[in-house]
Protein backbone atom coordinates (compact mmCIF):
# COMPACT_ATOMS: atom_id res chain seq x y z
CA UNK A 1 0.00 0.00 0.00
CA UNK A 2 1.21 3.50 -0.80
CA UNK A 3 1.61 6.50 1.44
CA UNK A 4 0.74 10.17 0.96
CA UNK A 5 3.71 12.55 0.98
CA UNK A 6 1.48 15.61 0.77
CA UNK A 7 1.57 15.77 -3.02
CA UNK A 8 -0.27 12.50 -3.64
CA UNK A 9 0.06 8.77 -3.12
CA UNK A 10 3.57 7.35 -3.45
CA UNK A 11 4.38 3.73 -4.29
CA UNK A 12 6.66 2.51 -1.47
CA UNK A 13 8.40 0.05 -3.83
CA UNK A 14 9.46 2.62 -6.40
CA UNK A 15 9.17 5.93 -4.55
CA UNK A 16 7.16 7.14 -7.53
CA UNK A 17 3.65 8.58 -7.70
CA UNK A 18 0.97 5.93 -8.00
CA UNK A 19 -0.33 5.79 -11.57
CA UNK A 20 -3.90 6.86 -10.80
CA UNK A 21 -2.85 10.39 -11.61
CA UNK A 22 0.47 9.48 -13.18
CA UNK A 23 2.65 12.25 -11.79
CA UNK A 24 -0.26 13.96 -10.05
CA UNK A 25 -1.37 15.98 -13.08
CA UNK A 26 -4.42 14.03 -14.20
CA UNK A 27 -6.36 17.23 -14.96
CA UNK A 28 -3.49 18.52 -17.10
CA UNK A 29 -3.31 15.22 -18.98
CA UNK A 30 -7.09 15.16 -19.47
CA UNK A 31 -7.09 18.75 -20.76
CA UNK A 32 -4.30 17.89 -23.19
CA UNK A 33 -6.14 14.83 -24.53
CA UNK A 34 -9.31 16.91 -24.94
CA UNK A 35 -7.50 18.89 -27.65
CA UNK A 36 -6.37 15.82 -29.63
CA UNK A 37 -8.76 14.18 -32.07
CA UNK A 38 -8.68 11.70 -34.91
CA UNK A 39 -8.13 13.34 -38.29
CA UNK A 40 -11.02 13.64 -40.74
CA UNK A 41 -9.51 11.00 -43.01
CA UNK A 42 -9.19 8.62 -40.05
CA UNK A 43 -5.48 8.00 -40.66
CA UNK A 44 -3.92 10.55 -38.34
CA UNK A 45 -4.47 12.88 -35.42
CA UNK A 46 -5.12 16.60 -35.23
CA UNK A 47 -4.75 19.41 -32.70
CA UNK A 48 -8.22 20.94 -32.31
CA UNK A 49 -6.69 24.33 -31.43
CA UNK A 50 -4.49 25.03 -34.46
CA UNK A 51 -5.03 22.06 -36.81
CA UNK A 52 -1.48 20.67 -36.43
CA UNK A 53 -1.63 17.10 -37.76
CA UNK A 54 0.49 13.99 -37.50
CA UNK A 55 0.13 10.28 -38.02
CA UNK A 56 1.45 9.93 -34.47
CA UNK A 57 -0.99 10.38 -31.58
CA UNK A 58 1.96 10.97 -29.26
CA UNK A 59 3.34 13.75 -31.50
CA UNK A 60 0.02 15.61 -31.43
CA UNK A 61 -0.26 15.09 -27.65
CA UNK A 62 3.24 16.52 -27.15
CA UNK A 63 2.43 19.45 -29.47
CA UNK A 64 -0.78 20.30 -27.60
CA UNK A 65 0.86 19.93 -24.19
CA UNK A 66 3.76 22.21 -25.06
CA UNK A 67 1.84 24.83 -27.08
CA UNK A 68 -1.76 25.02 -25.90
CA UNK A 69 -2.19 23.77 -22.33
CA UNK A 70 -1.24 26.13 -19.53
CA UNK A 71 -0.46 24.33 -16.34
CA UNK A 72 1.99 23.54 -13.66
CA UNK A 73 3.79 20.93 -15.70
CA UNK A 74 5.25 17.67 -14.44
CA UNK A 75 7.61 17.11 -11.53
CA UNK A 76 10.56 14.77 -11.93
CA UNK A 77 9.95 11.69 -9.77
CA UNK A 78 13.65 11.60 -8.87
CA UNK A 79 14.55 15.21 -8.00
CA UNK A 80 11.22 17.10 -8.20
CA UNK A 81 12.48 19.37 -11.03
CA UNK A 82 9.51 20.97 -12.82
CA UNK A 83 9.16 20.32 -16.57
CA UNK A 84 6.54 21.93 -18.83
CA UNK A 85 5.69 18.74 -20.75
CA UNK A 86 6.03 14.97 -20.50
CA UNK A 87 8.52 15.14 -23.36
CA UNK A 88 10.62 17.69 -21.46
CA UNK A 89 10.38 15.47 -18.38
CA UNK A 90 11.60 12.47 -20.39
CA UNK A 91 14.57 14.48 -21.69
CA UNK A 92 15.38 15.78 -18.21
CA UNK A 93 15.40 12.27 -16.71
CA UNK A 94 17.67 10.91 -19.44
CA UNK A 95 20.13 13.82 -19.15
CA UNK A 96 20.21 14.19 -15.37
CA UNK A 97 19.47 10.77 -13.92
CA UNK A 98 20.52 8.19 -16.49
CA UNK A 99 18.97 5.02 -17.75
CA UNK A 100 18.12 3.49 -14.37
CA UNK A 101 15.39 6.10 -13.88
CA UNK A 102 14.11 5.99 -17.44
CA UNK A 103 12.19 2.72 -17.08
CA UNK A 104 10.28 4.08 -14.07
CA UNK A 105 9.45 7.26 -15.96
CA UNK A 106 8.41 5.27 -19.01
CA UNK A 107 5.74 3.55 -16.91
CA UNK A 108 4.32 6.95 -15.93
CA UNK A 109 4.34 8.25 -19.49
CA UNK A 110 2.82 5.03 -20.83
CA UNK A 111 0.00 5.36 -18.32
CA UNK A 112 -0.66 8.93 -19.51
CA UNK A 113 -0.69 7.87 -23.16
CA UNK A 114 -2.87 4.75 -22.68
CA UNK A 115 -6.60 4.59 -23.38
CA UNK A 116 -6.91 8.07 -24.83
CA UNK A 117 -8.58 9.23 -28.04
C-alpha atoms as a PDB file:
ATOM      1  CA  UNK A   1       0.000   0.000   0.000  1.00  0.00           C
ATOM      2  CA  UNK A   2       1.214   3.499  -0.804  1.00  0.00           C
ATOM      3  CA  UNK A   3       1.611   6.502   1.440  1.00  0.00           C
ATOM      4  CA  UNK A   4       0.740  10.169   0.962  1.00  0.00           C
ATOM      5  CA  UNK A   5       3.715  12.550   0.978  1.00  0.00           C
ATOM      6  CA  UNK A   6       1.476  15.606   0.772  1.00  0.00           C
ATOM      7  CA  UNK A   7       1.568  15.771  -3.020  1.00  0.00           C
ATOM      8  CA  UNK A   8      -0.271  12.498  -3.643  1.00  0.00           C
ATOM      9  CA  UNK A   9       0.060   8.775  -3.119  1.00  0.00           C
ATOM     10  CA  UNK A  10       3.575   7.354  -3.451  1.00  0.00           C
ATOM     11  CA  UNK A  11       4.382   3.734  -4.290  1.00  0.00           C
ATOM     12  CA  UNK A  12       6.658   2.514  -1.472  1.00  0.00           C
ATOM     13  CA  UNK A  13       8.396   0.050  -3.832  1.00  0.00           C
ATOM     14  CA  UNK A  14       9.458   2.616  -6.398  1.00  0.00           C
ATOM     15  CA  UNK A  15       9.167   5.926  -4.553  1.00  0.00           C
ATOM     16  CA  UNK A  16       7.161   7.144  -7.535  1.00  0.00           C
ATOM     17  CA  UNK A  17       3.646   8.583  -7.699  1.00  0.00           C
ATOM     18  CA  UNK A  18       0.965   5.935  -8.002  1.00  0.00           C
ATOM     19  CA  UNK A  19      -0.326   5.789 -11.568  1.00  0.00           C
ATOM     20  CA  UNK A  20      -3.901   6.857 -10.801  1.00  0.00           C
ATOM     21  CA  UNK A  21      -2.850  10.391 -11.613  1.00  0.00           C
ATOM     22  CA  UNK A  22       0.468   9.478 -13.181  1.00  0.00           C
ATOM     23  CA  UNK A  23       2.646  12.251 -11.790  1.00  0.00           C
ATOM     24  CA  UNK A  24      -0.261  13.956 -10.049  1.00  0.00           C
ATOM     25  CA  UNK A  25      -1.368  15.984 -13.076  1.00  0.00           C
ATOM     26  CA  UNK A  26      -4.421  14.034 -14.200  1.00  0.00           C
ATOM     27  CA  UNK A  27      -6.362  17.234 -14.963  1.00  0.00           C
ATOM     28  CA  UNK A  28      -3.487  18.523 -17.099  1.00  0.00           C
ATOM     29  CA  UNK A  29      -3.313  15.219 -18.979  1.00  0.00           C
ATOM     30  CA  UNK A  30      -7.094  15.158 -19.469  1.00  0.00           C
ATOM     31  CA  UNK A  31      -7.093  18.747 -20.764  1.00  0.00           C
ATOM     32  CA  UNK A  32      -4.301  17.893 -23.195  1.00  0.00           C
ATOM     33  CA  UNK A  33      -6.142  14.832 -24.528  1.00  0.00           C
ATOM     34  CA  UNK A  34      -9.313  16.913 -24.942  1.00  0.00           C
ATOM     35  CA  UNK A  35      -7.497  18.894 -27.654  1.00  0.00           C
ATOM     36  CA  UNK A  36      -6.370  15.818 -29.627  1.00  0.00           C
ATOM     37  CA  UNK A  37      -8.759  14.184 -32.072  1.00  0.00           C
ATOM     38  CA  UNK A  38      -8.683  11.695 -34.907  1.00  0.00           C
ATOM     39  CA  UNK A  39      -8.133  13.345 -38.286  1.00  0.00           C
ATOM     40  CA  UNK A  40     -11.015  13.642 -40.738  1.00  0.00           C
ATOM     41  CA  UNK A  41      -9.506  11.000 -43.010  1.00  0.00           C
ATOM     42  CA  UNK A  42      -9.187   8.617 -40.053  1.00  0.00           C
ATOM     43  CA  UNK A  43      -5.479   7.996 -40.657  1.00  0.00           C
ATOM     44  CA  UNK A  44      -3.917  10.545 -38.340  1.00  0.00           C
ATOM     45  CA  UNK A  45      -4.471  12.880 -35.420  1.00  0.00           C
ATOM     46  CA  UNK A  46      -5.121  16.602 -35.229  1.00  0.00           C
ATOM     47  CA  UNK A  47      -4.746  19.413 -32.704  1.00  0.00           C
ATOM     48  CA  UNK A  48      -8.217  20.940 -32.310  1.00  0.00           C
ATOM     49  CA  UNK A  49      -6.688  24.331 -31.433  1.00  0.00           C
ATOM     50  CA  UNK A  50      -4.485  25.026 -34.464  1.00  0.00           C
ATOM     51  CA  UNK A  51      -5.034  22.059 -36.814  1.00  0.00           C
ATOM     52  CA  UNK A  52      -1.483  20.668 -36.425  1.00  0.00           C
ATOM     53  CA  UNK A  53      -1.628  17.103 -37.759  1.00  0.00           C
ATOM     54  CA  UNK A  54       0.492  13.995 -37.497  1.00  0.00           C
ATOM     55  CA  UNK A  55       0.126  10.283 -38.021  1.00  0.00           C
ATOM     56  CA  UNK A  56       1.449   9.928 -34.467  1.00  0.00           C
ATOM     57  CA  UNK A  57      -0.986  10.379 -31.583  1.00  0.00           C
ATOM     58  CA  UNK A  58       1.961  10.967 -29.256  1.00  0.00           C
ATOM     59  CA  UNK A  59       3.342  13.752 -31.495  1.00  0.00           C
ATOM     60  CA  UNK A  60       0.017  15.615 -31.427  1.00  0.00           C
ATOM     61  CA  UNK A  61      -0.261  15.089 -27.655  1.00  0.00           C
ATOM     62  CA  UNK A  62       3.240  16.524 -27.149  1.00  0.00           C
ATOM     63  CA  UNK A  63       2.433  19.447 -29.466  1.00  0.00           C
ATOM     64  CA  UNK A  64      -0.779  20.296 -27.596  1.00  0.00           C
ATOM     65  CA  UNK A  65       0.855  19.933 -24.195  1.00  0.00           C
ATOM     66  CA  UNK A  66       3.765  22.210 -25.062  1.00  0.00           C
ATOM     67  CA  UNK A  67       1.839  24.830 -27.079  1.00  0.00           C
ATOM     68  CA  UNK A  68      -1.759  25.024 -25.897  1.00  0.00           C
ATOM     69  CA  UNK A  69      -2.188  23.770 -22.329  1.00  0.00           C
ATOM     70  CA  UNK A  70      -1.242  26.132 -19.534  1.00  0.00           C
ATOM     71  CA  UNK A  71      -0.463  24.327 -16.336  1.00  0.00           C
ATOM     72  CA  UNK A  72       1.988  23.540 -13.659  1.00  0.00           C
ATOM     73  CA  UNK A  73       3.791  20.932 -15.700  1.00  0.00           C
ATOM     74  CA  UNK A  74       5.254  17.672 -14.443  1.00  0.00           C
ATOM     75  CA  UNK A  75       7.610  17.107 -11.534  1.00  0.00           C
ATOM     76  CA  UNK A  76      10.562  14.766 -11.933  1.00  0.00           C
ATOM     77  CA  UNK A  77       9.954  11.694  -9.774  1.00  0.00           C
ATOM     78  CA  UNK A  78      13.654  11.602  -8.873  1.00  0.00           C
ATOM     79  CA  UNK A  79      14.551  15.215  -8.003  1.00  0.00           C
ATOM     80  CA  UNK A  80      11.224  17.101  -8.204  1.00  0.00           C
ATOM     81  CA  UNK A  81      12.483  19.373 -11.034  1.00  0.00           C
ATOM     82  CA  UNK A  82       9.514  20.969 -12.822  1.00  0.00           C
ATOM     83  CA  UNK A  83       9.165  20.321 -16.568  1.00  0.00           C
ATOM     84  CA  UNK A  84       6.544  21.927 -18.833  1.00  0.00           C
ATOM     85  CA  UNK A  85       5.689  18.742 -20.748  1.00  0.00           C
ATOM     86  CA  UNK A  86       6.033  14.965 -20.501  1.00  0.00           C
ATOM     87  CA  UNK A  87       8.516  15.138 -23.364  1.00  0.00           C
ATOM     88  CA  UNK A  88      10.618  17.690 -21.463  1.00  0.00           C
ATOM     89  CA  UNK A  89      10.385  15.472 -18.380  1.00  0.00           C
ATOM     90  CA  UNK A  90      11.601  12.468 -20.385  1.00  0.00           C
ATOM     91  CA  UNK A  91      14.569  14.477 -21.695  1.00  0.00           C
ATOM     92  CA  UNK A  92      15.384  15.776 -18.211  1.00  0.00           C
ATOM     93  CA  UNK A  93      15.399  12.272 -16.713  1.00  0.00           C
ATOM     94  CA  UNK A  94      17.674  10.907 -19.443  1.00  0.00           C
ATOM     95  CA  UNK A  95      20.133  13.820 -19.149  1.00  0.00           C
ATOM     96  CA  UNK A  96      20.209  14.188 -15.370  1.00  0.00           C
ATOM     97  CA  UNK A  97      19.465  10.766 -13.923  1.00  0.00           C
ATOM     98  CA  UNK A  98      20.518   8.191 -16.494  1.00  0.00           C
ATOM     99  CA  UNK A  99      18.972   5.019 -17.753  1.00  0.00           C
ATOM    100  CA  UNK A 100      18.122   3.485 -14.368  1.00  0.00           C
ATOM    101  CA  UNK A 101      15.393   6.105 -13.879  1.00  0.00           C
ATOM    102  CA  UNK A 102      14.105   5.994 -17.442  1.00  0.00           C
ATOM    103  CA  UNK A 103      12.187   2.720 -17.076  1.00  0.00           C
ATOM    104  CA  UNK A 104      10.281   4.083 -14.071  1.00  0.00           C
ATOM    105  CA  UNK A 105       9.450   7.263 -15.957  1.00  0.00           C
ATOM    106  CA  UNK A 106       8.409   5.265 -19.013  1.00  0.00           C
ATOM    107  CA  UNK A 107       5.743   3.553 -16.908  1.00  0.00           C
ATOM    108  CA  UNK A 108       4.317   6.948 -15.926  1.00  0.00           C
ATOM    109  CA  UNK A 109       4.345   8.250 -19.495  1.00  0.00           C
ATOM    110  CA  UNK A 110       2.816   5.034 -20.827  1.00  0.00           C
ATOM    111  CA  UNK A 111       0.003   5.360 -18.321  1.00  0.00           C
ATOM    112  CA  UNK A 112      -0.657   8.927 -19.515  1.00  0.00           C
ATOM    113  CA  UNK A 113      -0.689   7.866 -23.163  1.00  0.00           C
ATOM    114  CA  UNK A 114      -2.869   4.753 -22.684  1.00  0.00           C
ATOM    115  CA  UNK A 115      -6.598   4.595 -23.375  1.00  0.00           C
ATOM    116  CA  UNK A 116      -6.911   8.067 -24.827  1.00  0.00           C
ATOM    117  CA  UNK A 117      -8.578   9.231 -28.035  1.00  0.00           C
END
